[in-house]
Protein backbone atom coordinates (compact mmCIF):
# COMPACT_ATOMS: atom_id res chain seq x y z
CA UNK A 1 -14.82 3.27 -8.61
CA UNK A 2 -12.50 3.45 -5.63
CA UNK A 3 -8.91 4.63 -5.88
CA UNK A 4 -6.47 3.46 -3.22
CA UNK A 5 -3.20 5.24 -2.56
CA UNK A 6 -0.46 3.98 -0.28
CA UNK A 7 1.64 6.89 0.94
CA UNK A 8 5.17 6.25 2.16
CA UNK A 9 5.88 8.72 4.95
CA UNK A 10 9.61 8.03 4.72
CA UNK A 11 9.60 9.85 1.36
CA UNK A 12 8.49 13.07 3.07
CA UNK A 13 11.49 14.35 5.02
CA UNK A 14 10.25 17.97 5.05
CA UNK A 15 7.14 19.85 3.94
CA UNK A 16 8.57 20.71 0.52
CA UNK A 17 9.33 17.04 -0.22
CA UNK A 18 5.94 16.07 1.19
CA UNK A 19 4.07 18.37 -1.18
CA UNK A 20 6.07 17.17 -4.18
CA UNK A 21 5.46 13.54 -3.19
CA UNK A 22 1.73 14.11 -2.56
CA UNK A 23 1.25 15.95 -5.84
CA UNK A 24 2.84 13.09 -7.78
CA UNK A 25 1.24 10.19 -5.92
CA UNK A 26 -2.25 11.62 -5.50
CA UNK A 27 -2.30 13.09 -9.00
CA UNK A 28 -3.10 16.54 -7.65
CA UNK A 29 -3.83 19.20 -10.29
CA UNK A 30 -1.19 21.49 -11.77
CA UNK A 31 -2.69 24.43 -9.88
CA UNK A 32 -2.02 22.71 -6.52
CA UNK A 33 -0.42 25.41 -4.36
CA UNK A 34 2.07 23.15 -2.58
CA UNK A 35 0.93 24.19 0.91
CA UNK A 36 -1.32 22.72 3.61
CA UNK A 37 -4.34 24.89 2.74
CA UNK A 38 -4.11 23.90 -0.92
CA UNK A 39 -3.78 20.24 0.09
CA UNK A 40 -6.96 20.51 2.15
CA UNK A 41 -8.79 22.16 -0.77
CA UNK A 42 -7.70 19.48 -3.25
CA UNK A 43 -8.52 16.60 -0.91
CA UNK A 44 -12.01 17.87 -0.18
CA UNK A 45 -12.68 17.85 -3.93
CA UNK A 46 -11.75 14.17 -4.42
CA UNK A 47 -14.42 11.54 -5.05
CA UNK A 48 -14.27 7.95 -3.83
CA UNK A 49 -10.63 8.08 -2.78
CA UNK A 50 -8.89 6.08 -0.06
CA UNK A 51 -5.57 7.22 1.34
CA UNK A 52 -3.44 4.76 3.27
CA UNK A 53 -0.75 6.42 5.39
CA UNK A 54 2.42 4.42 6.05
CA UNK A 55 5.24 4.87 8.60
CA UNK A 56 5.14 6.47 12.02
CA UNK A 57 4.51 10.20 11.65
CA UNK A 58 7.06 12.70 12.91
CA UNK A 59 6.49 16.47 13.17
CA UNK A 60 6.14 16.91 9.38
CA UNK A 61 3.94 13.86 8.99
CA UNK A 62 1.65 14.93 11.84
CA UNK A 63 0.88 18.16 9.98
CA UNK A 64 0.11 16.24 6.78
CA UNK A 65 -1.86 13.55 8.62
CA UNK A 66 -3.87 16.26 10.38
CA UNK A 67 -4.85 17.76 7.01
CA UNK A 68 -5.69 14.31 5.62
CA UNK A 69 -7.96 13.59 8.57
CA UNK A 70 -9.62 17.03 8.45
CA UNK A 71 -10.21 16.57 4.73
CA UNK A 72 -11.81 13.18 5.36
CA UNK A 73 -14.18 14.81 7.86
CA UNK A 74 -15.27 17.30 5.19
CA UNK A 75 -15.37 14.88 2.26
CA UNK A 76 -17.62 11.82 2.64
CA UNK A 77 -15.88 10.21 -0.34
CA UNK A 78 -12.47 10.31 1.32
CA UNK A 79 -11.19 7.75 3.82
CA UNK A 80 -7.88 8.08 5.64
CA UNK A 81 -6.36 5.04 7.33
CA UNK A 82 -3.26 5.69 9.43
CA UNK A 83 -1.09 2.56 9.34
CA UNK A 84 0.27 2.80 12.89
């Protein structure tokens, strides 16, 4: 089964908001550490997930997008599709 998630970059105005948004919308576990390393760890553990990134990334979004793309390189079940 494939899970598709559309992420709205406009909802992530800073890293704190981004982690809160990602935890809610990707259903990350309660132990998610709310930092970029923890995001990478959680994303590399996903199975058959597709993440769709929306909105042009700014400085905050580039950091998140970089982790999403690195995670996809490590996890063959994860696909990241930047929308711009």
